[in-house]
Amino acid sequence: MLIKAIDERKFINFIYDEKPIRKASPHAIYISSAGNKNLDAFQYDGFSKTGNLPSWRNFKLSKIENIEVLSENFEIADGYKSNSPKYGNFIYKI
């Protein structure tokens, strides 16, 4: 579902770490240096511990629930670097 959202550049809504819904544009799924499967997404709306939205966020896939792919398309967010070293072990990315 996430790969399709990235491929089609569709916004997603989801619950993370049992906190309320967030709206984001998913850009990359990858395995971190710590071995976690992560999602890098630009969060536009919804719950945030730090506030300060919109902003880039990193989410562990194991804590993401109830993903809803929206019909609305997104543009690649400023600051996205598909050639970043952290994506050396990527699963899927723009």
PDB file of N, CA and C in Angstrom:
ATOM      1  N   MET A   1       0.820  -1.187   0.000  1.00  0.00           N
ATOM      2  CA  MET A   1       0.000   0.000   0.000  1.00  0.00           C
ATOM      3  C   MET A   1       0.875   1.265   0.000  1.00  0.00           C
ATOM      4  N   LEU A   2       1.907   1.271   0.832  1.00  0.00           N
ATOM      5  CA  LEU A   2       2.806   2.433   0.874  1.00  0.00           C
ATOM      6  C   LEU A   2       3.576   2.601  -0.428  1.00  0.00           C
ATOM      7  N   ILE A   3       4.023   1.499  -0.996  1.00  0.00           N
ATOM      8  CA  ILE A   3       4.756   1.571  -2.263  1.00  0.00           C
ATOM      9  C   ILE A   3       3.866   2.164  -3.350  1.00  0.00           C
ATOM     10  N   LYS A   4       2.614   1.737  -3.391  1.00  0.00           N
ATOM     11  CA  LYS A   4       1.680   2.281  -4.377  1.00  0.00           C
ATOM     12  C   LYS A   4       1.476   3.780  -4.146  1.00  0.00           C
ATOM     13  N   ALA A   5       1.351   4.202  -2.886  1.00  0.00           N
ATOM     14  CA  ALA A   5       1.177   5.620  -2.569  1.00  0.00           C
ATOM     15  C   ALA A   5       2.401   6.431  -3.009  1.00  0.00           C
ATOM     16  N   ILE A   6       3.591   5.886  -2.782  1.00  0.00           N
ATOM     17  CA  ILE A   6       4.814   6.575  -3.214  1.00  0.00           C
ATOM     18  C   ILE A   6       4.852   6.641  -4.738  1.00  0.00           C
ATOM     19  N   ASP A   7       4.600   5.512  -5.367  1.00  0.00           N
ATOM     20  CA  ASP A   7       4.663   5.429  -6.824  1.00  0.00           C
ATOM     21  C   ASP A   7       3.683   6.386  -7.495  1.00  0.00           C
ATOM     22  N   GLU A   8       2.473   6.478  -6.938  1.00  0.00           N
ATOM     23  CA  GLU A   8       1.436   7.334  -7.521  1.00  0.00           C
ATOM     24  C   GLU A   8       1.424   8.743  -6.920  1.00  0.00           C
ATOM     25  N   ARG A   9       2.322   8.974  -5.967  1.00  0.00           N
ATOM     26  CA  ARG A   9       2.425  10.266  -5.269  1.00  0.00           C
ATOM     27  C   ARG A   9       1.083  10.699  -4.691  1.00  0.00           C
ATOM     28  N   LYS A  10       0.542   9.814  -3.860  1.00  0.00           N
ATOM     29  CA  LYS A  10      -0.725  10.053  -3.177  1.00  0.00           C
ATOM     30  C   LYS A  10      -0.468  10.295  -1.692  1.00  0.00           C
ATOM     31  N   PHE A  11      -1.191  11.269  -1.140  1.00  0.00           N
ATOM     32  CA  PHE A  11      -1.141  11.494   0.304  1.00  0.00           C
ATOM     33  C   PHE A  11      -1.667  10.266   1.032  1.00  0.00           C
ATOM     34  N   ILE A  12      -1.228  10.108   2.279  1.00  0.00           N
ATOM     35  CA  ILE A  12      -1.746   9.054   3.136  1.00  0.00           C
ATOM     36  C   ILE A  12      -2.182   9.640   4.474  1.00  0.00           C
ATOM     37  N   ASN A  13      -3.170   9.009   5.072  1.00  0.00           N
ATOM     38  CA  ASN A  13      -3.522   9.222   6.472  1.00  0.00           C
ATOM     39  C   ASN A  13      -3.141   7.949   7.200  1.00  0.00           C
ATOM     40  N   PHE A  14      -2.691   8.067   8.443  1.00  0.00           N
ATOM     41  CA  PHE A  14      -2.328   6.881   9.211  1.00  0.00           C
ATOM     42  C   PHE A  14      -2.255   7.213  10.689  1.00  0.00           C
ATOM     43  N   ILE A  15      -2.282   6.171  11.470  1.00  0.00           N
ATOM     44  CA  ILE A  15      -2.080   6.287  12.918  1.00  0.00           C
ATOM     45  C   ILE A  15      -0.657   5.821  13.191  1.00  0.00           C
ATOM     46  N   TYR A  16       0.048   6.562  14.051  1.00  0.00           N
ATOM     47  CA  TYR A  16       1.426   6.198  14.372  1.00  0.00           C
ATOM     48  C   TYR A  16       1.594   6.116  15.880  1.00  0.00           C
ATOM     49  N   ASP A  17       2.136   5.014  16.329  1.00  0.00           N
ATOM     50  CA  ASP A  17       2.424   4.810  17.753  1.00  0.00           C
ATOM     51  C   ASP A  17       1.177   5.045  18.605  1.00  0.00           C
ATOM     52  N   GLU A  18       0.042   4.585  18.078  1.00  0.00           N
ATOM     53  CA  GLU A  18      -1.259   4.670  18.753  1.00  0.00           C
ATOM     54  C   GLU A  18      -1.706   6.109  19.023  1.00  0.00           C
ATOM     55  N   LYS A  19      -1.174   7.063  18.276  1.00  0.00           N
ATOM     56  CA  LYS A  19      -1.574   8.470  18.404  1.00  0.00           C
ATOM     57  C   LYS A  19      -2.521   8.813  17.250  1.00  0.00           C
ATOM     58  N   PRO A  20      -3.257   9.909  17.355  1.00  0.00           N
ATOM     59  CA  PRO A  20      -4.255  10.261  16.327  1.00  0.00           C
ATOM     60  C   PRO A  20      -3.698  10.350  14.902  1.00  0.00           C
ATOM     61  N   ILE A  21      -4.619  10.436  13.973  1.00  0.00           N
ATOM     62  CA  ILE A  21      -4.311  10.415  12.533  1.00  0.00           C
ATOM     63  C   ILE A  21      -3.353  11.531  12.135  1.00  0.00           C
ATOM     64  N   ARG A  22      -2.480  11.186  11.204  1.00  0.00           N
ATOM     65  CA  ARG A  22      -1.535  12.129  10.590  1.00  0.00           C
ATOM     66  C   ARG A  22      -1.739  12.088   9.089  1.00  0.00           C
ATOM     67  N   LYS A  23      -1.496  13.207   8.416  1.00  0.00           N
ATOM     68  CA  LYS A  23      -1.556  13.269   6.954  1.00  0.00           C
ATOM     69  C   LYS A  23      -0.162  13.601   6.452  1.00  0.00           C
ATOM     70  N   ALA A  24       0.320  12.790   5.496  1.00  0.00           N
ATOM     71  CA  ALA A  24       1.688  12.977   5.020  1.00  0.00           C
ATOM     72  C   ALA A  24       1.828  12.542   3.568  1.00  0.00           C
ATOM     73  N   SER A  25       2.927  12.988   2.976  1.00  0.00           N
ATOM     74  CA  SER A  25       3.296  12.534   1.637  1.00  0.00           C
ATOM     75  C   SER A  25       4.499  11.606   1.783  1.00  0.00           C
ATOM     76  N   PRO A  26       4.303  10.309   1.512  1.00  0.00           N
ATOM     77  CA  PRO A  26       5.402   9.348   1.678  1.00  0.00           C
ATOM     78  C   PRO A  26       6.411   9.461   0.546  1.00  0.00           C
ATOM     79  N   HIS A  27       7.692   9.491   0.892  1.00  0.00           N
ATOM     80  CA  HIS A  27       8.746   9.651  -0.113  1.00  0.00           C
ATOM     81  C   HIS A  27       9.682   8.446  -0.218  1.00  0.00           C
ATOM     82  N   ALA A  28       9.973   7.777   0.904  1.00  0.00           N
ATOM     83  CA  ALA A  28      10.952   6.681   0.853  1.00  0.00           C
ATOM     84  C   ALA A  28      10.724   5.676   1.975  1.00  0.00           C
ATOM     85  N   ILE A  29      10.889   4.409   1.628  1.00  0.00           N
ATOM     86  CA  ILE A  29      10.906   3.322   2.601  1.00  0.00           C
ATOM     87  C   ILE A  29      12.309   2.727   2.535  1.00  0.00           C
ATOM     88  N   TYR A  30      12.924   2.561   3.695  1.00  0.00           N
ATOM     89  CA  TYR A  30      14.312   2.083   3.709  1.00  0.00           C
ATOM     90  C   TYR A  30      14.624   1.392   5.026  1.00  0.00           C
ATOM     91  N   ILE A  31      15.732   0.685   5.039  1.00  0.00           N
ATOM     92  CA  ILE A  31      16.218   0.052   6.261  1.00  0.00           C
ATOM     93  C   ILE A  31      17.317   0.945   6.832  1.00  0.00           C
ATOM     94  N   SER A  32      17.109   1.370   8.065  1.00  0.00           N
ATOM     95  CA  SER A  32      18.057   2.288   8.710  1.00  0.00           C
ATOM     96  C   SER A  32      19.330   1.563   9.113  1.00  0.00           C
ATOM     97  N   SER A  33      20.322   2.332   9.516  1.00  0.00           N
ATOM     98  CA  SER A  33      21.585   1.743   9.966  1.00  0.00           C
ATOM     99  C   SER A  33      21.382   0.899  11.227  1.00  0.00           C
ATOM    100  N   ALA A  34      20.292   1.167  11.972  1.00  0.00           N
ATOM    101  CA  ALA A  34      19.966   0.378  13.166  1.00  0.00           C
ATOM    102  C   ALA A  34      19.169  -0.877  12.811  1.00  0.00           C
ATOM    103  N   GLY A  35      18.835  -1.042  11.519  1.00  0.00           N
ATOM    104  CA  GLY A  35      18.114  -2.225  11.077  1.00  0.00           C
ATOM    105  C   GLY A  35      16.604  -2.093  11.070  1.00  0.00           C
ATOM    106  N   ASN A  36      16.085  -0.890  11.328  1.00  0.00           N
ATOM    107  CA  ASN A  36      14.635  -0.666  11.320  1.00  0.00           C
ATOM    108  C   ASN A  36      14.138  -0.358   9.922  1.00  0.00           C
ATOM    109  N   LYS A  37      12.944  -0.844   9.598  1.00  0.00           N
ATOM    110  CA  LYS A  37      12.287  -0.438   8.354  1.00  0.00           C
ATOM    111  C   LYS A  37      11.575   0.880   8.642  1.00  0.00           C
ATOM    112  N   ASN A  38      11.952   1.922   7.899  1.00  0.00           N
ATOM    113  CA  ASN A  38      11.450   3.270   8.144  1.00  0.00           C
ATOM    114  C   ASN A  38      10.754   3.854   6.924  1.00  0.00           C
ATOM    115  N   LEU A  39       9.914   4.832   7.203  1.00  0.00           N
ATOM    116  CA  LEU A  39       9.271   5.635   6.172  1.00  0.00           C
ATOM    117  C   LEU A  39       9.681   7.080   6.387  1.00  0.00           C
ATOM    118  N   ASP A  40      10.219   7.718   5.361  1.00  0.00           N
ATOM    119  CA  ASP A  40      10.434   9.157   5.388  1.00  0.00           C
ATOM    120  C   ASP A  40       9.254   9.791   4.672  1.00  0.00           C
ATOM    121  N   ALA A  41       8.609  10.726   5.360  1.00  0.00           N
ATOM    122  CA  ALA A  41       7.426  11.374   4.807  1.00  0.00           C
ATOM    123  C   ALA A  41       7.402  12.830   5.241  1.00  0.00           C
ATOM    124  N   PHE A  42       6.777  13.651   4.433  1.00  0.00           N
ATOM    125  CA  PHE A  42       6.589  15.054   4.779  1.00  0.00           C
ATOM    126  C   PHE A  42       5.194  15.155   5.375  1.00  0.00           C
ATOM    127  N   GLN A  43       5.139  15.435   6.684  1.00  0.00           N
ATOM    128  CA  GLN A  43       3.851  15.490   7.384  1.00  0.00           C
ATOM    129  C   GLN A  43       3.256  16.886   7.295  1.00  0.00           C
ATOM    130  N   TYR A  44       2.000  16.933   6.873  1.00  0.00           N
ATOM    131  CA  TYR A  44       1.297  18.201   6.688  1.00  0.00           C
ATOM    132  C   TYR A  44       0.336  18.518   7.812  1.00  0.00           C
ATOM    133  N   ASP A  45      -0.277  17.497   8.373  1.00  0.00           N
ATOM    134  CA  ASP A  45      -1.364  17.747   9.315  1.00  0.00           C
ATOM    135  C   ASP A  45      -1.463  16.577  10.279  1.00  0.00           C
ATOM    136  N   GLY A  46      -2.185  16.798  11.359  1.00  0.00           N
ATOM    137  CA  GLY A  46      -2.451  15.738  12.319  1.00  0.00           C
ATOM    138  C   GLY A  46      -1.576  15.854  13.551  1.00  0.00           C
ATOM    139  N   PHE A  47      -1.548  14.775  14.308  1.00  0.00           N
ATOM    140  CA  PHE A  47      -0.825  14.744  15.573  1.00  0.00           C
ATOM    141  C   PHE A  47       0.675  14.896  15.356  1.00  0.00           C
ATOM    142  N   SER A  48       1.296  15.672  16.242  1.00  0.00           N
ATOM    143  CA  SER A  48       2.751  15.813  16.256  1.00  0.00           C
ATOM    144  C   SER A  48       3.179  16.198  17.667  1.00  0.00           C
ATOM    145  N   LYS A  49       4.113  15.458  18.237  1.00  0.00           N
ATOM    146  CA  LYS A  49       4.606  15.781  19.580  1.00  0.00           C
ATOM    147  C   LYS A  49       5.247  17.158  19.622  1.00  0.00           C
ATOM    148  N   THR A  50       5.944  17.504  18.540  1.00  0.00           N
ATOM    149  CA  THR A  50       6.680  18.761  18.530  1.00  0.00           C
ATOM    150  C   THR A  50       5.914  19.910  17.869  1.00  0.00           C
ATOM    151  N   GLY A  51       4.758  19.604  17.270  1.00  0.00           N
ATOM    152  CA  GLY A  51       4.060  20.654  16.518  1.00  0.00           C
ATOM    153  C   GLY A  51       4.855  20.917  15.262  1.00  0.00           C
ATOM    154  N   ASN A  52       5.101  22.175  14.962  1.00  0.00           N
ATOM    155  CA  ASN A  52       5.978  22.565  13.853  1.00  0.00           C
ATOM    156  C   ASN A  52       5.679  21.840  12.545  1.00  0.00           C
ATOM    157  N   LEU A  53       4.448  21.877  12.113  1.00  0.00           N
ATOM    158  CA  LEU A  53       4.086  21.273  10.832  1.00  0.00           C
ATOM    159  C   LEU A  53       3.797  22.367   9.830  1.00  0.00           C
ATOM    160  N   PRO A  54       4.017  22.124   8.568  1.00  0.00           N
ATOM    161  CA  PRO A  54       4.516  20.893   7.965  1.00  0.00           C
ATOM    162  C   PRO A  54       6.019  20.728   8.159  1.00  0.00           C
ATOM    163  N   SER A  55       6.447  19.456   8.146  1.00  0.00           N
ATOM    164  CA  SER A  55       7.854  19.161   8.363  1.00  0.00           C
ATOM    165  C   SER A  55       8.154  17.706   7.991  1.00  0.00           C
ATOM    166  N   TRP A  56       9.437  17.438   7.740  1.00  0.00           N
ATOM    167  CA  TRP A  56       9.883  16.073   7.481  1.00  0.00           C
ATOM    168  C   TRP A  56       9.805  15.264   8.758  1.00  0.00           C
ATOM    169  N   ARG A  57       9.347  14.019   8.620  1.00  0.00           N
ATOM    170  CA  ARG A  57       9.284  13.104   9.740  1.00  0.00           C
ATOM    171  C   ARG A  57       9.760  11.719   9.288  1.00  0.00           C
ATOM    172  N   ASN A  58      10.302  10.987  10.241  1.00  0.00           N
ATOM    173  CA  ASN A  58      10.745   9.619  10.025  1.00  0.00           C
ATOM    174  C   ASN A  58       9.860   8.732  10.895  1.00  0.00           C
ATOM    175  N   PHE A  59       9.287   7.688  10.306  1.00  0.00           N
ATOM    176  CA  PHE A  59       8.382   6.793  11.022  1.00  0.00           C
ATOM    177  C   PHE A  59       8.865   5.349  10.889  1.00  0.00           C
ATOM    178  N   LYS A  60       8.854   4.616  12.004  1.00  0.00           N
ATOM    179  CA  LYS A  60       9.151   3.180  11.958  1.00  0.00           C
ATOM    180  C   LYS A  60       7.911   2.472  11.411  1.00  0.00           C
ATOM    181  N   LEU A  61       8.100   1.629  10.406  1.00  0.00           N
ATOM    182  CA  LEU A  61       6.965   0.931   9.813  1.00  0.00           C
ATOM    183  C   LEU A  61       6.216   0.093  10.845  1.00  0.00           C
ATOM    184  N   SER A  62       6.919  -0.447  11.818  1.00  0.00           N
ATOM    185  CA  SER A  62       6.293  -1.301  12.823  1.00  0.00           C
ATOM    186  C   SER A  62       5.285  -0.554  13.696  1.00  0.00           C
ATOM    187  N   LYS A  63       5.327   0.776  13.686  1.00  0.00           N
ATOM    188  CA  LYS A  63       4.416   1.572  14.514  1.00  0.00           C
ATOM    189  C   LYS A  63       3.306   2.246  13.702  1.00  0.00           C
ATOM    190  N   ILE A  64       3.269   1.995  12.394  1.00  0.00           N
ATOM    191  CA  ILE A  64       2.254   2.592  11.524  1.00  0.00           C
ATOM    192  C   ILE A  64       1.060   1.645  11.427  1.00  0.00           C
ATOM    193  N   GLU A  65      -0.139   2.208  11.588  1.00  0.00           N
ATOM    194  CA  GLU A  65      -1.369   1.431  11.497  1.00  0.00           C
ATOM    195  C   GLU A  65      -2.406   2.191  10.671  1.00  0.00           C
ATOM    196  N   ASN A  66      -3.383   1.448  10.197  1.00  0.00           N
ATOM    197  CA  ASN A  66      -4.570   2.019   9.529  1.00  0.00           C
ATOM    198  C   ASN A  66      -4.221   3.008   8.425  1.00  0.00           C
ATOM    199  N   ILE A  67      -3.375   2.595   7.511  1.00  0.00           N
ATOM    200  CA  ILE A  67      -2.992   3.461   6.394  1.00  0.00           C
ATOM    201  C   ILE A  67      -4.170   3.608   5.438  1.00  0.00           C
ATOM    202  N   GLU A  68      -4.441   4.845   5.085  1.00  0.00           N
ATOM    203  CA  GLU A  68      -5.462   5.154   4.085  1.00  0.00           C
ATOM    204  C   GLU A  68      -4.792   5.963   2.985  1.00  0.00           C
ATOM    205  N   VAL A  69      -4.799   5.444   1.768  1.00  0.00           N
ATOM    206  CA  VAL A  69      -4.254   6.179   0.634  1.00  0.00           C
ATOM    207  C   VAL A  69      -5.342   7.115   0.126  1.00  0.00           C
ATOM    208  N   LEU A  70      -5.034   8.392   0.062  1.00  0.00           N
ATOM    209  CA  LEU A  70      -6.007   9.398  -0.357  1.00  0.00           C
ATOM    210  C   LEU A  70      -5.958   9.589  -1.868  1.00  0.00           C
ATOM    211  N   SER A  71      -6.963  10.213  -2.417  1.00  0.00           N
ATOM    212  CA  SER A  71      -7.010  10.432  -3.867  1.00  0.00           C
ATOM    213  C   SER A  71      -6.185  11.648  -4.283  1.00  0.00           C
ATOM    214  N   GLU A  72      -5.836  12.480  -3.330  1.00  0.00           N
ATOM    215  CA  GLU A  72      -5.105  13.723  -3.591  1.00  0.00           C
ATOM    216  C   GLU A  72      -3.621  13.450  -3.853  1.00  0.00           C
ATOM    217  N   ASN A  73      -3.093  14.043  -4.921  1.00  0.00           N
ATOM    218  CA  ASN A  73      -1.676  13.895  -5.256  1.00  0.00           C
ATOM    219  C   ASN A  73      -0.822  14.938  -4.542  1.00  0.00           C
ATOM    220  N   PHE A  74       0.460  14.604  -4.355  1.00  0.00           N
ATOM    221  CA  PHE A  74       1.414  15.549  -3.767  1.00  0.00           C
ATOM    222  C   PHE A  74       2.580  15.777  -4.709  1.00  0.00           C
ATOM    223  N   GLU A  75       3.252  16.884  -4.500  1.00  0.00           N
ATOM    224  CA  GLU A  75       4.505  17.197  -5.193  1.00  0.00           C
ATOM    225  C   GLU A  75       5.651  16.790  -4.273  1.00  0.00           C
ATOM    226  N   ILE A  76       6.798  16.476  -4.838  1.00  0.00           N
ATOM    227  CA  ILE A  76       7.969  16.139  -4.030  1.00  0.00           C
ATOM    228  C   ILE A  76       8.282  17.326  -3.122  1.00  0.00           C
ATOM    229  N   ALA A  77       8.423  17.052  -1.839  1.00  0.00           N
ATOM    230  CA  ALA A  77       8.634  18.105  -0.848  1.00  0.00           C
ATOM    231  C   ALA A  77      10.062  18.647  -0.911  1.00  0.00           C
ATOM    232  N   ASP A  78      10.183  19.939  -0.619  1.00  0.00           N
ATOM    233  CA  ASP A  78      11.500  20.568  -0.559  1.00  0.00           C
ATOM    234  C   ASP A  78      12.380  19.840   0.451  1.00  0.00           C
ATOM    235  N   GLY A  79      13.609  19.653   0.084  1.00  0.00           N
ATOM    236  CA  GLY A  79      14.570  19.015   0.974  1.00  0.00           C
ATOM    237  C   GLY A  79      14.737  17.529   0.745  1.00  0.00           C
ATOM    238  N   TYR A  80      13.906  16.936  -0.114  1.00  0.00           N
ATOM    239  CA  TYR A  80      14.044  15.507  -0.381  1.00  0.00           C
ATOM    240  C   TYR A  80      15.257  15.261  -1.269  1.00  0.00           C
ATOM    241  N   LYS A  81      16.107  14.343  -0.825  1.00  0.00           N
ATOM    242  CA  LYS A  81      17.313  13.990  -1.580  1.00  0.00           C
ATOM    243  C   LYS A  81      17.315  12.479  -1.782  1.00  0.00           C
ATOM    244  N   SER A  82      16.869  12.052  -2.959  1.00  0.00           N
ATOM    245  CA  SER A  82      16.758  10.615  -3.223  1.00  0.00           C
ATOM    246  C   SER A  82      18.118   9.915  -3.188  1.00  0.00           C
ATOM    247  N   ASN A  83      19.199  10.669  -3.346  1.00  0.00           N
ATOM    248  CA  ASN A  83      20.537  10.072  -3.320  1.00  0.00           C
ATOM    249  C   ASN A  83      21.199  10.174  -1.945  1.00  0.00           C
ATOM    250  N   SER A  84      20.428  10.487  -0.916  1.00  0.00           N
ATOM    251  CA  SER A  84      20.968  10.580   0.436  1.00  0.00           C
ATOM    252  C   SER A  84      21.581   9.245   0.864  1.00  0.00           C
ATOM    253  N   PRO A  85      22.719   9.274   1.552  1.00  0.00           N
ATOM    254  CA  PRO A  85      23.350   8.033   2.023  1.00  0.00           C
ATOM    255  C   PRO A  85      22.434   7.173   2.900  1.00  0.00           C
ATOM    256  N   LYS A  86      21.485   7.799   3.602  1.00  0.00           N
ATOM    257  CA  LYS A  86      20.609   7.004   4.468  1.00  0.00           C
ATOM    258  C   LYS A  86      19.703   6.069   3.667  1.00  0.00           C
ATOM    259  N   TYR A  87      19.547   6.333   2.364  1.00  0.00           N
ATOM    260  CA  TYR A  87      18.739   5.462   1.518  1.00  0.00           C
ATOM    261  C   TYR A  87      19.585   4.396   0.824  1.00  0.00           C
ATOM    262  N   GLY A  88      20.784   4.167   1.301  1.00  0.00           N
ATOM    263  CA  GLY A  88      21.660   3.161   0.713  1.00  0.00           C
ATOM    264  C   GLY A  88      21.039   1.776   0.703  1.00  0.00           C
ATOM    265  N   ASN A  89      20.169   1.517   1.664  1.00  0.00           N
ATOM    266  CA  ASN A  89      19.482   0.232   1.755  1.00  0.00           C
ATOM    267  C   ASN A  89      17.977   0.488   1.615  1.00  0.00           C
ATOM    268  N   PHE A  90      17.587   1.122   0.514  1.00  0.00           N
ATOM    269  CA  PHE A  90      16.176   1.475   0.339  1.00  0.00           C
ATOM    270  C   PHE A  90      15.349   0.305  -0.159  1.00  0.00           C
ATOM    271  N   ILE A  91      14.083   0.347   0.174  1.00  0.00           N
ATOM    272  CA  ILE A  91      13.111  -0.637  -0.298  1.00  0.00           C
ATOM    273  C   ILE A  91      12.360  -0.033  -1.483  1.00  0.00           C
ATOM    274  N   TYR A  92      11.951   1.222  -1.334  1.00  0.00           N
ATOM    275  CA  TYR A  92      11.276   1.940  -2.418  1.00  0.00           C
ATOM    276  C   TYR A  92      11.368   3.425  -2.131  1.00  0.00           C
ATOM    277  N   LYS A  93      11.567   4.226  -3.185  1.00  0.00           N
ATOM    278  CA  LYS A  93      11.649   5.667  -3.004  1.00  0.00           C
ATOM    279  C   LYS A  93      11.285   6.367  -4.303  1.00  0.00           C
ATOM    280  N   ILE A  94      10.985   7.640  -4.172  1.00  0.00           N
ATOM    281  CA  ILE A  94      10.725   8.465  -5.359  1.00  0.00           C
ATOM    282  C   ILE A  94      12.037   8.635  -6.085  1.00  0.00           C
TER     283      ILE A  94
END
